[in-house]
C-alpha atoms as a PDB file:
ATOM      1  CA  MET A   1      70.152  43.478 -70.078  1.00  0.00           C
ATOM      2  CA  SER A   2      73.040  42.362 -67.711  1.00  0.00           C
ATOM      3  CA  ALA A   3      75.392  39.528 -68.673  1.00  0.00           C
ATOM      4  CA  PRO A   4      74.604  36.083 -67.093  1.00  0.00           C
ATOM      5  CA  GLN A   5      76.649  35.292 -63.943  1.00  0.00           C
ATOM      6  CA  PRO A   6      79.087  32.447 -64.038  1.00  0.00           C
ATOM      7  CA  THR A   7      78.202  29.260 -62.369  1.00  0.00           C
ATOM      8  CA  LEU A   8      80.389  27.357 -59.820  1.00  0.00           C
ATOM      9  CA  PHE A   9      79.491  23.505 -60.264  1.00  0.00           C
ATOM     10  CA  VAL A  10      80.642  19.865 -59.808  1.00  0.00           C
ATOM     11  CA  VAL A  11      79.657  17.140 -62.080  1.00  0.00           C
ATOM     12  CA  GLY A  12      80.635  13.569 -61.695  1.00  0.00           C
ATOM     13  CA  ALA A  13      79.853  10.054 -60.144  1.00  0.00           C
ATOM     14  CA  THR A  14      80.838   8.512 -56.780  1.00  0.00           C
ATOM     15  CA  HIS A  15      80.435   5.225 -54.992  1.00  0.00           C
ATOM     16  CA  HIS A  16      77.274   6.789 -53.514  1.00  0.00           C
ATOM     17  CA  THR A  17      75.736   6.998 -57.155  1.00  0.00           C
ATOM     18  CA  ALA A  18      77.561   4.409 -59.242  1.00  0.00           C
ATOM     19  CA  PRO A  19      78.413   0.598 -58.535  1.00  0.00           C
ATOM     20  CA  LEU A  20      81.948  -0.609 -58.797  1.00  0.00           C
ATOM     21  CA  GLU A  21      81.475  -1.867 -62.315  1.00  0.00           C
ATOM     22  CA  TRP A  22      80.401   1.753 -63.569  1.00  0.00           C
ATOM     23  CA  ARG A  23      83.346   3.442 -61.609  1.00  0.00           C
ATOM     24  CA  GLU A  24      85.633   1.188 -63.506  1.00  0.00           C
ATOM     25  CA  LYS A  25      84.276   2.734 -66.789  1.00  0.00           C
ATOM     26  CA  LEU A  26      84.469   6.347 -65.558  1.00  0.00           C
ATOM     27  CA  ALA A  27      87.804   6.187 -64.013  1.00  0.00           C
ATOM     28  CA  VAL A  28      90.265   8.331 -66.099  1.00  0.00           C
ATOM     29  CA  GLY A  29      93.780   6.338 -66.514  1.00  0.00           C
ATOM     30  CA  PRO A  30      96.997   8.325 -66.077  1.00  0.00           C
ATOM     31  CA  ASP A  31      97.518   8.064 -69.856  1.00  0.00           C
ATOM     32  CA  LYS A  32      94.029   9.523 -70.888  1.00  0.00           C
ATOM     33  CA  MET A  33      94.098  12.427 -68.388  1.00  0.00           C
ATOM     34  CA  PRO A  34      96.127  14.839 -70.600  1.00  0.00           C
ATOM     35  CA  GLU A  35      93.719  14.362 -73.438  1.00  0.00           C
ATOM     36  CA  ILE A  36      90.704  15.060 -71.204  1.00  0.00           C
ATOM     37  CA  GLN A  37      92.214  18.119 -69.695  1.00  0.00           C
ATOM     38  CA  ARG A  38      93.205  19.361 -73.463  1.00  0.00           C
ATOM     39  CA  ARG A  39      89.852  18.776 -74.399  1.00  0.00           C
ATOM     40  CA  LEU A  40      87.973  20.529 -71.576  1.00  0.00           C
ATOM     41  CA  SER A  41      90.436  23.365 -71.935  1.00  0.00           C
ATOM     42  CA  SER A  42      89.099  24.082 -75.263  1.00  0.00           C
ATOM     43  CA  LEU A  43      85.525  24.400 -74.334  1.00  0.00           C
ATOM     44  CA  PRO A  44      83.803  27.648 -74.902  1.00  0.00           C
ATOM     45  CA  GLY A  45      82.513  29.066 -71.680  1.00  0.00           C
ATOM     46  CA  LEU A  46      84.234  26.871 -69.251  1.00  0.00           C
ATOM     47  CA  GLN A  47      86.316  29.323 -67.491  1.00  0.00           C
ATOM     48  CA  GLU A  48      87.968  27.042 -64.800  1.00  0.00           C
ATOM     49  CA  PHE A  49      88.147  23.452 -64.041  1.00  0.00           C
ATOM     50  CA  ALA A  50      89.624  20.727 -61.857  1.00  0.00           C
ATOM     51  CA  VAL A  51      89.427  16.969 -62.049  1.00  0.00           C
ATOM     52  CA  LEU A  52      89.276  14.746 -58.820  1.00  0.00           C
ATOM     53  CA  ASN A  53      89.876  11.168 -59.955  1.00  0.00           C
ATOM     54  CA  THR A  54      90.282   8.475 -57.257  1.00  0.00           C
ATOM     55  CA  CYS A  55      89.215   4.892 -56.746  1.00  0.00           C
ATOM     56  CA  ASN A  56      85.704   5.990 -55.551  1.00  0.00           C
ATOM     57  CA  ARG A  57      84.987   9.145 -57.525  1.00  0.00           C
ATOM     58  CA  ILE A  58      85.329  10.958 -60.730  1.00  0.00           C
ATOM     59  CA  GLU A  59      84.497  14.784 -60.029  1.00  0.00           C
ATOM     60  CA  LEU A  60      84.928  17.654 -62.298  1.00  0.00           C
ATOM     61  CA  TYR A  61      84.848  21.058 -60.525  1.00  0.00           C
ATOM     62  CA  GLY A  62      84.374  24.196 -62.603  1.00  0.00           C
ATOM     63  CA  VAL A  63      83.223  27.660 -63.176  1.00  0.00           C
ATOM     64  CA  ALA A  64      81.136  28.017 -66.422  1.00  0.00           C
ATOM     65  CA  ASP A  65      79.497  30.873 -68.255  1.00  0.00           C
ATOM     66  CA  ASP A  66      76.180  29.123 -68.593  1.00  0.00           C
ATOM     67  CA  TYR A  67      74.455  25.623 -68.534  1.00  0.00           C
ATOM     68  CA  ALA A  68      75.571  24.992 -72.103  1.00  0.00           C
ATOM     69  CA  ALA A  69      79.059  25.016 -70.959  1.00  0.00           C
ATOM     70  CA  ILE A  70      78.343  22.449 -68.251  1.00  0.00           C
ATOM     71  CA  GLU A  71      76.420  20.222 -70.786  1.00  0.00           C
ATOM     72  CA  ALA A  72      79.498  20.326 -73.080  1.00  0.00           C
ATOM     73  CA  LEU A  73      81.623  19.422 -70.317  1.00  0.00           C
ATOM     74  CA  ARG A  74      79.437  16.363 -69.551  1.00  0.00           C
ATOM     75  CA  THR A  75      79.386  15.487 -73.478  1.00  0.00           C
ATOM     76  CA  THR A  76      83.263  15.887 -73.719  1.00  0.00           C
ATOM     77  CA  PHE A  77      83.840  13.722 -70.736  1.00  0.00           C
ATOM     78  CA  CYS A  78      81.352  10.850 -71.892  1.00  0.00           C
ATOM     79  CA  GLU A  79      82.913  10.904 -75.325  1.00  0.00           C
ATOM     80  CA  SER A  80      86.362  10.650 -73.955  1.00  0.00           C
ATOM     81  CA  GLN A  81      85.467   7.603 -71.841  1.00  0.00           C
ATOM     82  CA  GLY A  82      83.214   5.876 -74.407  1.00  0.00           C
ATOM     83  CA  ILE A  83      80.248   6.453 -71.889  1.00  0.00           C
ATOM     84  CA  ASP A  84      76.693   6.876 -73.190  1.00  0.00           C
ATOM     85  CA  LEU A  85      75.495  10.221 -71.837  1.00  0.00           C
ATOM     86  CA  PRO A  86      72.099   9.131 -70.760  1.00  0.00           C
ATOM     87  CA  ALA A  87      73.673   6.493 -68.731  1.00  0.00           C
ATOM     88  CA  PHE A  88      75.990   8.985 -67.048  1.00  0.00           C
ATOM     89  CA  ARG A  89      73.194  11.078 -66.224  1.00  0.00           C
ATOM     90  CA  SER A  90      71.504   8.148 -64.419  1.00  0.00           C
ATOM     91  CA  LEU A  91      74.622   7.920 -62.309  1.00  0.00           C
ATOM     92  CA  GLU A  92      75.432  11.427 -62.010  1.00  0.00           C
ATOM     93  CA  LEU A  93      76.367  13.621 -59.082  1.00  0.00           C
ATOM     94  CA  CYS A  94      75.462  17.366 -60.096  1.00  0.00           C
ATOM     95  CA  LYS A  95      75.821  20.231 -57.564  1.00  0.00           C
ATOM     96  CA  SER A  96      76.135  24.073 -57.951  1.00  0.00           C
ATOM     97  CA  GLY A  97      76.872  27.199 -56.060  1.00  0.00           C
ATOM     98  CA  SER A  98      77.333  26.684 -52.261  1.00  0.00           C
ATOM     99  CA  ASP A  99      76.274  22.925 -52.536  1.00  0.00           C
ATOM    100  CA  ALA A 100      79.361  22.310 -54.670  1.00  0.00           C
ATOM    101  CA  ILE A 101      81.622  24.084 -52.038  1.00  0.00           C
ATOM    102  CA  TYR A 102      79.951  22.146 -49.314  1.00  0.00           C
ATOM    103  CA  HIS A 103      80.441  18.860 -51.129  1.00  0.00           C
ATOM    104  CA  LEU A 104      84.065  19.497 -52.078  1.00  0.00           C
ATOM    105  CA  THR A 105      84.870  20.349 -48.345  1.00  0.00           C
ATOM    106  CA  SER A 106      82.998  17.298 -47.211  1.00  0.00           C
ATOM    107  CA  VAL A 107      85.102  15.115 -49.568  1.00  0.00           C
ATOM    108  CA  ALA A 108      88.283  16.642 -48.394  1.00  0.00           C
ATOM    109  CA  ALA A 109      87.337  16.172 -44.681  1.00  0.00           C
ATOM    110  CA  GLY A 110      86.703  12.392 -45.300  1.00  0.00           C
ATOM    111  CA  LEU A 111      82.895  12.593 -44.877  1.00  0.00           C
ATOM    112  CA  GLU A 112      82.015  11.450 -48.340  1.00  0.00           C
ATOM    113  CA  SER A 113      84.583   8.390 -48.363  1.00  0.00           C
ATOM    114  CA  GLN A 114      83.517   4.728 -48.207  1.00  0.00           C
ATOM    115  CA  LEU A 115      85.638   4.755 -45.142  1.00  0.00           C
ATOM    116  CA  VAL A 116      84.429   7.752 -43.402  1.00  0.00           C
ATOM    117  CA  GLY A 117      87.346   9.809 -41.891  1.00  0.00           C
ATOM    118  CA  GLU A 118      90.138   8.214 -44.050  1.00  0.00           C
ATOM    119  CA  ASN A 119      93.088  10.315 -44.478  1.00  0.00           C
ATOM    120  CA  GLU A 120      93.998   9.457 -48.084  1.00  0.00           C
ATOM    121  CA  ILE A 121      91.319  11.596 -49.569  1.00  0.00           C
ATOM    122  CA  PHE A 122      92.754  14.904 -48.451  1.00  0.00           C
ATOM    123  CA  GLY A 123      96.094  14.221 -50.118  1.00  0.00           C
ATOM    124  CA  GLN A 124      94.193  13.323 -53.311  1.00  0.00           C
ATOM    125  CA  VAL A 125      92.160  16.518 -53.394  1.00  0.00           C
ATOM    126  CA  LYS A 126      95.417  18.310 -52.943  1.00  0.00           C
ATOM    127  CA  SER A 127      97.033  16.499 -55.795  1.00  0.00           C
ATOM    128  CA  ALA A 128      93.867  17.312 -58.051  1.00  0.00           C
ATOM    129  CA  TYR A 129      94.227  21.153 -57.160  1.00  0.00           C
ATOM    130  CA  ALA A 130      98.111  20.890 -57.910  1.00  0.00           C
ATOM    131  CA  ALA A 131      97.568  19.217 -61.255  1.00  0.00           C
ATOM    132  CA  ALA A 132      94.992  21.773 -62.139  1.00  0.00           C
ATOM    133  CA  GLN A 133      97.352  24.514 -61.353  1.00  0.00           C
ATOM    134  CA  THR A 134     100.037  22.868 -63.479  1.00  0.00           C
ATOM    135  CA  ASN A 135      97.560  22.679 -66.363  1.00  0.00           C
ATOM    136  CA  ARG A 136      96.618  26.221 -65.667  1.00  0.00           C
ATOM    137  CA  SER A 137      92.914  25.311 -65.537  1.00  0.00           C
ATOM    138  CA  VAL A 138      92.036  26.983 -62.399  1.00  0.00           C
ATOM    139  CA  GLY A 139      91.484  30.768 -61.803  1.00  0.00           C
ATOM    140  CA  PRO A 140      90.597  32.907 -59.028  1.00  0.00           C
ATOM    141  CA  VAL A 141      87.420  31.306 -57.974  1.00  0.00           C
ATOM    142  CA  LEU A 142      88.700  27.727 -57.719  1.00  0.00           C
ATOM    143  CA  HIS A 143      92.000  28.975 -56.337  1.00  0.00           C
ATOM    144  CA  LYS A 144      90.043  30.545 -53.446  1.00  0.00           C
ATOM    145  CA  ILE A 145      87.827  27.645 -53.071  1.00  0.00           C
ATOM    146  CA  PHE A 146      90.243  24.917 -52.944  1.00  0.00           C
ATOM    147  CA  GLN A 147      92.563  26.895 -50.651  1.00  0.00           C
ATOM    148  CA  LYS A 148      89.735  27.711 -48.124  1.00  0.00           C
ATOM    149  CA  THR A 149      88.543  23.924 -48.512  1.00  0.00           C
ATOM    150  CA  PHE A 150      91.886  22.693 -47.207  1.00  0.00           C
ATOM    151  CA  GLN A 151      91.774  24.999 -44.154  1.00  0.00           C
ATOM    152  CA  ALA A 152      88.142  23.941 -43.481  1.00  0.00           C
ATOM    153  CA  ALA A 153      89.029  20.176 -43.870  1.00  0.00           C
ATOM    154  CA  LYS A 154      91.873  20.546 -41.464  1.00  0.00           C
ATOM    155  CA  HIS A 155      89.625  22.429 -38.955  1.00  0.00           C
ATOM    156  CA  VAL A 156      87.160  19.553 -39.086  1.00  0.00           C
ATOM    157  CA  ARG A 157      89.678  17.017 -38.525  1.00  0.00           C
ATOM    158  CA  THR A 158      91.285  18.862 -35.436  1.00  0.00           C
ATOM    159  CA  HIS A 159      87.980  19.753 -33.830  1.00  0.00           C
ATOM    160  CA  THR A 160      86.135  16.405 -34.214  1.00  0.00           C
ATOM    161  CA  ALA A 161      87.024  12.803 -33.709  1.00  0.00           C
ATOM    162  CA  ILE A 162      85.929  11.982 -37.285  1.00  0.00           C
ATOM    163  CA  ALA A 163      89.024  10.016 -37.968  1.00  0.00           C
ATOM    164  CA  THR A 164      88.776   7.901 -34.771  1.00  0.00           C
ATOM    165  CA  GLY A 165      89.399   4.085 -35.340  1.00  0.00           C
ATOM    166  CA  GLN A 166      90.993   2.084 -38.168  1.00  0.00           C
ATOM    167  CA  VAL A 167      89.641   4.089 -41.203  1.00  0.00           C
ATOM    168  CA  SER A 168      92.420   3.148 -43.668  1.00  0.00           C
ATOM    169  CA  ILE A 169      91.602   0.819 -46.343  1.00  0.00           C
ATOM    170  CA  ALA A 170      95.077  -0.773 -46.019  1.00  0.00           C
ATOM    171  CA  ASN A 171      94.250  -1.332 -42.239  1.00  0.00           C
ATOM    172  CA  VAL A 172      90.907  -2.781 -42.978  1.00  0.00           C
ATOM    173  CA  ALA A 173      92.550  -5.106 -45.436  1.00  0.00           C
ATOM    174  CA  VAL A 174      95.219  -6.281 -42.946  1.00  0.00           C
ATOM    175  CA  ASP A 175      92.732  -6.771 -40.344  1.00  0.00           C
ATOM    176  CA  LEU A 176      90.866  -9.077 -42.632  1.00  0.00           C
ATOM    177  CA  ALA A 177      93.911 -10.963 -43.625  1.00  0.00           C
ATOM    178  CA  ALA A 178      94.502 -11.534 -39.827  1.00  0.00           C
ATOM    179  CA  THR A 179      91.069 -13.230 -39.429  1.00  0.00           C
ATOM    180  CA  ILE A 180      92.101 -15.862 -42.222  1.00  0.00           C
ATOM    181  CA  PHE A 181      95.675 -16.397 -41.214  1.00  0.00           C
ATOM    182  CA  GLY A 182      95.915 -15.529 -37.548  1.00  0.00           C
ATOM    183  CA  ASP A 183      99.273 -14.533 -36.872  1.00  0.00           C
ATOM    184  CA  LEU A 184     100.710 -12.530 -40.026  1.00  0.00           C
ATOM    185  CA  GLY A 185     104.332 -12.912 -38.982  1.00  0.00           C
ATOM    186  CA  ASP A 186     104.733 -16.083 -41.155  1.00  0.00           C
ATOM    187  CA  ALA A 187     102.450 -14.927 -44.097  1.00  0.00           C
ATOM    188  CA  ARG A 188     104.174 -14.563 -47.307  1.00  0.00           C
ATOM    189  CA  VAL A 189     102.868 -11.381 -48.878  1.00  0.00           C
ATOM    190  CA  LEU A 190     103.232 -10.109 -52.489  1.00  0.00           C
ATOM    191  CA  LEU A 191     102.277  -6.494 -53.291  1.00  0.00           C
ATOM    192  CA  ALA A 192     101.583  -5.576 -57.010  1.00  0.00           C
ATOM    193  CA  GLY A 193     101.739  -1.885 -57.467  1.00  0.00           C
ATOM    194  CA  ALA A 194     104.345   0.617 -55.757  1.00  0.00           C
ATOM    195  CA  GLY A 195     102.302   3.546 -55.686  1.00  0.00           C
ATOM    196  CA  GLU A 196     100.931   5.451 -52.521  1.00  0.00           C
ATOM    197  CA  ILE A 197      98.143   2.936 -51.885  1.00  0.00           C
ATOM    198  CA  GLY A 198     100.325  -0.147 -52.300  1.00  0.00           C
ATOM    199  CA  GLU A 199     102.982   1.576 -49.930  1.00  0.00           C
ATOM    200  CA  GLN A 200     100.371   2.222 -47.408  1.00  0.00           C
ATOM    201  CA  ALA A 201      99.322  -1.566 -47.557  1.00  0.00           C
ATOM    202  CA  ALA A 202     102.792  -2.624 -47.299  1.00  0.00           C
ATOM    203  CA  LYS A 203     103.545  -0.692 -44.295  1.00  0.00           C
ATOM    204  CA  ALA A 204     100.218  -2.062 -42.718  1.00  0.00           C
ATOM    205  CA  PHE A 205     101.450  -5.563 -43.255  1.00  0.00           C
ATOM    206  CA  ARG A 206     104.869  -4.759 -41.724  1.00  0.00           C
ATOM    207  CA  SER A 207     103.074  -3.113 -38.760  1.00  0.00           C
ATOM    208  CA  ARG A 208     101.272  -6.551 -38.021  1.00  0.00           C
ATOM    209  CA  GLY A 209     104.572  -8.432 -38.158  1.00  0.00           C
ATOM    210  CA  THR A 210     104.806  -9.587 -41.541  1.00  0.00           C
ATOM    211  CA  THR A 211     108.472 -10.123 -42.566  1.00  0.00           C
ATOM    212  CA  ASP A 212     108.271 -11.956 -45.965  1.00  0.00           C
ATOM    213  CA  LEU A 213     107.295  -9.036 -48.169  1.00  0.00           C
ATOM    214  CA  THR A 214     107.763  -9.014 -52.024  1.00  0.00           C
ATOM    215  CA  VAL A 215     107.009  -5.922 -54.321  1.00  0.00           C
ATOM    216  CA  THR A 216     106.205  -6.072 -58.081  1.00  0.00           C
ATOM    217  CA  SER A 217     105.383  -3.078 -60.239  1.00  0.00           C
ATOM    218  CA  ARG A 218     105.150  -2.315 -63.967  1.00  0.00           C
ATOM    219  CA  THR A 219     108.097  -0.222 -63.350  1.00  0.00           C
ATOM    220  CA  MET A 220     110.880  -2.341 -61.938  1.00  0.00           C
ATOM    221  CA  GLU A 221     112.877   0.637 -60.526  1.00  0.00           C
ATOM    222  CA  HIS A 222     109.522   1.583 -58.562  1.00  0.00           C
ATOM    223  CA  ALA A 223     109.431  -1.980 -57.183  1.00  0.00           C
ATOM    224  CA  MET A 224     112.922  -2.114 -56.237  1.00  0.00           C
ATOM    225  CA  ALA A 225     112.717   1.192 -54.399  1.00  0.00           C
ATOM    226  CA  LEU A 226     109.741   0.347 -52.302  1.00  0.00           C
ATOM    227  CA  ALA A 227     111.099  -3.214 -51.647  1.00  0.00           C
ATOM    228  CA  GLY A 228     114.324  -1.715 -50.476  1.00  0.00           C
ATOM    229  CA  SER A 229     112.578   0.863 -48.201  1.00  0.00           C
ATOM    230  CA  LEU A 230     110.714  -1.988 -46.428  1.00  0.00           C
ATOM    231  CA  ASP A 231     113.502  -4.637 -46.418  1.00  0.00           C
ATOM    232  CA  GLY A 232     111.711  -6.669 -48.795  1.00  0.00           C
ATOM    233  CA  ARG A 233     112.320  -8.154 -52.276  1.00  0.00           C
ATOM    234  CA  ALA A 234     111.519  -7.082 -55.822  1.00  0.00           C
ATOM    235  CA  LEU A 235     109.799  -9.442 -58.471  1.00  0.00           C
ATOM    236  CA  PRO A 236     109.673  -8.594 -62.155  1.00  0.00           C
ATOM    237  CA  PHE A 237     106.151  -7.750 -63.184  1.00  0.00           C
ATOM    238  CA  ASP A 238     106.051 -10.310 -66.013  1.00  0.00           C
ATOM    239  CA  LYS A 239     106.850 -13.138 -63.374  1.00  0.00           C
ATOM    240  CA  ILE A 240     103.526 -12.717 -61.354  1.00  0.00           C
ATOM    241  CA  ALA A 241     101.867 -15.493 -62.721  1.00  0.00           C
ATOM    242  CA  GLN A 242     104.359 -18.170 -62.301  1.00  0.00           C
ATOM    243  CA  HIS A 243     105.129 -17.201 -58.520  1.00  0.00           C
ATOM    244  CA  ILE A 244     101.510 -16.723 -57.304  1.00  0.00           C
ATOM    245  CA  ALA A 245     101.561 -20.029 -55.610  1.00  0.00           C
ATOM    246  CA  ASP A 246     104.512 -18.941 -53.559  1.00  0.00           C
ATOM    247  CA  PHE A 247     102.558 -16.417 -51.588  1.00  0.00           C
ATOM    248  CA  ASP A 248      99.683 -16.431 -49.082  1.00  0.00           C
ATOM    249  CA  VAL A 249      98.457 -12.835 -49.533  1.00  0.00           C
ATOM    250  CA  LEU A 250      98.239 -10.790 -52.850  1.00  0.00           C
ATOM    251  CA  VAL A 251      97.541  -7.143 -52.737  1.00  0.00           C
ATOM    252  CA  CYS A 252      96.952  -5.606 -56.188  1.00  0.00           C
ATOM    253  CA  ALA A 253      97.037  -1.780 -56.635  1.00  0.00           C
ATOM    254  CA  THR A 254      98.367  -1.049 -59.837  1.00  0.00           C
ATOM    255  CA  ALA A 255      97.076   1.491 -62.444  1.00  0.00           C
ATOM    256  CA  ALA A 256      96.824  -1.021 -65.196  1.00  0.00           C
ATOM    257  CA  PRO A 257      93.867  -0.365 -67.642  1.00  0.00           C
ATOM    258  CA  GLY A 258      92.643  -3.798 -66.969  1.00  0.00           C
ATOM    259  CA  SER A 259      92.786  -7.114 -65.153  1.00  0.00           C
ATOM    260  CA  ILE A 260      96.442  -8.422 -64.539  1.00  0.00           C
ATOM    261  CA  LEU A 261      95.143 -11.722 -63.029  1.00  0.00           C
ATOM    262  CA  THR A 262      92.702 -13.878 -64.799  1.00  0.00           C
ATOM    263  CA  GLN A 263      90.698 -16.707 -63.348  1.00  0.00           C
ATOM    264  CA  SER A 264      92.670 -19.337 -65.250  1.00  0.00           C
ATOM    265  CA  VAL A 265      96.079 -18.134 -64.092  1.00  0.00           C
ATOM    266  CA  LEU A 266      94.845 -18.085 -60.601  1.00  0.00           C
ATOM    267  CA  MET A 267      93.268 -21.707 -60.942  1.00  0.00           C
ATOM    268  CA  ASN A 268      96.606 -22.977 -62.346  1.00  0.00           C
ATOM    269  CA  ALA A 269      98.318 -21.415 -59.226  1.00  0.00           C
ATOM    270  CA  MET A 270      96.050 -23.168 -56.898  1.00  0.00           C
ATOM    271  CA  ARG A 271      96.570 -26.647 -58.269  1.00  0.00           C
ATOM    272  CA  THR A 272     100.171 -26.569 -56.730  1.00  0.00           C
ATOM    273  CA  ARG A 273      98.667 -25.513 -53.173  1.00  0.00           C
ATOM    274  CA  PRO A 274      95.015 -26.796 -53.168  1.00  0.00           C
ATOM    275  CA  ALA A 275      94.950 -27.014 -49.378  1.00  0.00           C
ATOM    276  CA  ALA A 276      96.547 -23.535 -48.536  1.00  0.00           C
ATOM    277  CA  PRO A 277      94.116 -20.479 -48.767  1.00  0.00           C
ATOM    278  CA  LEU A 278      95.197 -17.701 -51.068  1.00  0.00           C
ATOM    279  CA  PHE A 279      93.907 -14.268 -49.826  1.00  0.00           C
ATOM    280  CA  LEU A 280      93.487 -11.688 -52.667  1.00  0.00           C
ATOM    281  CA  ILE A 281      92.993  -8.145 -51.954  1.00  0.00           C
ATOM    282  CA  ASP A 282      92.069  -5.956 -55.072  1.00  0.00           C
ATOM    283  CA  LEU A 283      92.558  -2.169 -54.135  1.00  0.00           C
ATOM    284  CA  ALA A 284      92.707  -1.049 -57.870  1.00  0.00           C
ATOM    285  CA  LEU A 285      90.209   0.580 -60.148  1.00  0.00           C
ATOM    286  CA  PRO A 286      89.857  -0.571 -62.838  1.00  0.00           C
ATOM    287  CA  ARG A 287      90.092  -3.930 -60.960  1.00  0.00           C
ATOM    288  CA  ASP A 288      93.403  -5.884 -61.243  1.00  0.00           C
ATOM    289  CA  ILE A 289      91.869  -9.330 -60.463  1.00  0.00           C
ATOM    290  CA  ASP A 290      89.064 -10.997 -62.528  1.00  0.00           C
ATOM    291  CA  PRO A 291      86.026 -11.153 -60.161  1.00  0.00           C
ATOM    292  CA  ALA A 292      85.490 -14.900 -61.411  1.00  0.00           C
ATOM    293  CA  ALA A 293      88.445 -15.623 -59.258  1.00  0.00           C
ATOM    294  CA  ALA A 294      86.161 -15.689 -56.090  1.00  0.00           C
ATOM    295  CA  GLU A 295      84.593 -18.894 -57.506  1.00  0.00           C
ATOM    296  CA  ILE A 296      88.028 -20.927 -57.147  1.00  0.00           C
ATOM    297  CA  ASP A 297      88.039 -23.100 -54.019  1.00  0.00           C
ATOM    298  CA  ASN A 298      90.058 -21.696 -51.097  1.00  0.00           C
ATOM    299  CA  VAL A 299      90.616 -18.456 -52.807  1.00  0.00           C
ATOM    300  CA  TYR A 300      89.300 -15.354 -50.999  1.00  0.00           C
ATOM    301  CA  LEU A 301      88.806 -12.345 -53.001  1.00  0.00           C
ATOM    302  CA  TYR A 302      87.903  -8.759 -51.683  1.00  0.00           C
ATOM    303  CA  ASN A 303      87.613  -5.571 -53.680  1.00  0.00           C
ATOM    304  CA  LEU A 304      87.115  -1.917 -52.488  1.00  0.00           C
ATOM    305  CA  ASP A 305      83.494  -2.140 -52.014  1.00  0.00           C
ATOM    306  CA  ASP A 306      83.765  -5.370 -49.993  1.00  0.00           C
ATOM    307  CA  LEU A 307      86.363  -3.754 -47.692  1.00  0.00           C
ATOM    308  CA  ALA A 308      84.018  -0.683 -47.218  1.00  0.00           C
ATOM    309  CA  LYS A 309      81.216  -2.943 -46.094  1.00  0.00           C
ATOM    310  CA  ILE A 310      83.427  -4.582 -43.563  1.00  0.00           C
ATOM    311  CA  SER A 311      84.347  -1.213 -42.302  1.00  0.00           C
ATOM    312  CA  GLU A 312      80.852  -0.129 -41.433  1.00  0.00           C
ATOM    313  CA  GLU A 313      81.061  -1.458 -37.997  1.00  0.00           C
ATOM    314  CA  ASN A 314      83.664   1.473 -37.361  1.00  0.00           C
ATOM    315  CA  ARG A 315      81.275   3.984 -38.703  1.00  0.00           C
ATOM    316  CA  ALA A 316      78.788   3.714 -35.948  1.00  0.00           C
ATOM    317  CA  ALA A 317      81.373   5.233 -33.500  1.00  0.00           C
ATOM    318  CA  ARG A 318      81.740   8.191 -35.667  1.00  0.00           C
ATOM    319  CA  VAL A 319      78.068   9.031 -36.329  1.00  0.00           C
ATOM    320  CA  ALA A 320      78.014  11.712 -33.807  1.00  0.00           C
ATOM    321  CA  GLU A 321      81.135  13.217 -34.976  1.00  0.00           C
ATOM    322  CA  MET A 322      79.742  13.272 -38.458  1.00  0.00           C
ATOM    323  CA  ALA A 323      76.871  15.513 -37.406  1.00  0.00           C
ATOM    324  CA  LYS A 324      79.197  17.865 -35.697  1.00  0.00           C
ATOM    325  CA  ALA A 325      81.613  17.892 -38.710  1.00  0.00           C
ATOM    326  CA  ARG A 326      78.837  18.617 -41.278  1.00  0.00           C
ATOM    327  CA  ASP A 327      77.733  21.574 -39.174  1.00  0.00           C
ATOM    328  CA  ILE A 328      81.231  23.164 -39.192  1.00  0.00           C
ATOM    329  CA  ILE A 329      81.337  22.521 -42.983  1.00  0.00           C
ATOM    330  CA  LEU A 330      78.026  24.046 -43.706  1.00  0.00           C
ATOM    331  CA  ALA A 331      78.845  27.200 -41.759  1.00  0.00           C
ATOM    332  CA  LYS A 332      82.332  27.556 -43.536  1.00  0.00           C
ATOM    333  CA  ALA A 333      80.802  26.776 -46.903  1.00  0.00           C
ATOM    334  CA  SER A 334      78.104  29.340 -46.542  1.00  0.00           C
ATOM    335  CA  LEU A 335      80.642  32.039 -45.426  1.00  0.00           C
ATOM    336  CA  LEU A 336      83.007  31.234 -48.395  1.00  0.00           C
ATOM    337  CA  TRP A 337      80.163  31.079 -50.896  1.00  0.00           C
ATOM    338  CA  ASN A 338      78.989  34.738 -49.720  1.00  0.00           C
ATOM    339  CA  SER A 339      82.648  35.996 -50.081  1.00  0.00           C
ATOM    340  CA  LEU A 340      82.898  35.089 -53.658  1.00  0.00           C
ATOM    341  CA  PRO A 341      82.035  37.476 -56.543  1.00  0.00           C
ATOM    342  CA  ARG A 342      78.359  37.125 -57.543  1.00  0.00           C
ATOM    343  CA  GLN A 343      77.633  33.853 -59.290  1.00  0.00           C
ATOM    344  CA  SER A 344      74.505  32.043 -60.333  1.00  0.00           C
ATOM    345  CA  ASN A 345      73.176  28.851 -58.440  1.00  0.00           C
ATOM    346  CA  PRO A 346      70.951  27.136 -60.970  1.00  0.00           C
ATOM    347  CA  ARG A 347      69.453  23.786 -60.683  1.00  0.00           C
ATOM    348  CA  ASN A 348      70.983  21.764 -63.524  1.00  0.00           C
END
């Protein structure tokens, strides 16, 4: 009897399958990622794996000896995140074989994003692959798949207009701020979080004329560096609560494990500026701002899902381009699948 063929697969959950509340629970914080990688590396039968962890998805790509290894991966991930396995299954994305290649390429090209055509996801997929290389958890199959995926995603963006329009979450947020304040030249903006998303948001505000920009971060050096590059100011992270009332717009994009701003803190801030609106943009996952803050008078709170809904009007202009992009991806995914050493393609 011949040995069973290895299986290429992806298991996870995305904004298509899981609401924001569940994505918060599933998201892997930077402090926990090494533990999960270590535990997955020790699983029998899991030949290769890579973890794609963004604000809208947690996806584990891998090559496994059999179905039991995939099930062990599910179980290990749920245990690490404190998630009930049956609950995870109810939210799960699971694909194998050529379908897994098609999905990864669609993700990298921006077709599976909340903001269809956005550019950030391509860099996030590259970062996930680079991390897996550093962790030595990818082998010949995933090496080839990721490298060919990057080529295909670039081809899609070059030969279609999938990225037409304002498809950056930062640009959508700034456009929304402009509807509330009008001219953003006089808006006082506080950015909490000096990572890539925070930097994009800061640059988007600068491009719309904002001159009063302050940056804070859990690492003061990062806040000072970003503030310096944008000719802004830096604020110590532990001083946020006492200075909220000094700002009109607060953009939160930290990697904190939970809320950094509670309803009570924001209520206290609004007592000193009851007639002036406060616009809160929560780009973090888990969320930085207590959702109950939306109940406060004159406070406008928007999270990732809210901004994605607003961006839907831009989606209509890209529907035809999406169909063209999917045709390209399907052809390239099939070609890549057929070029790989024989693999099984079970229905999991």
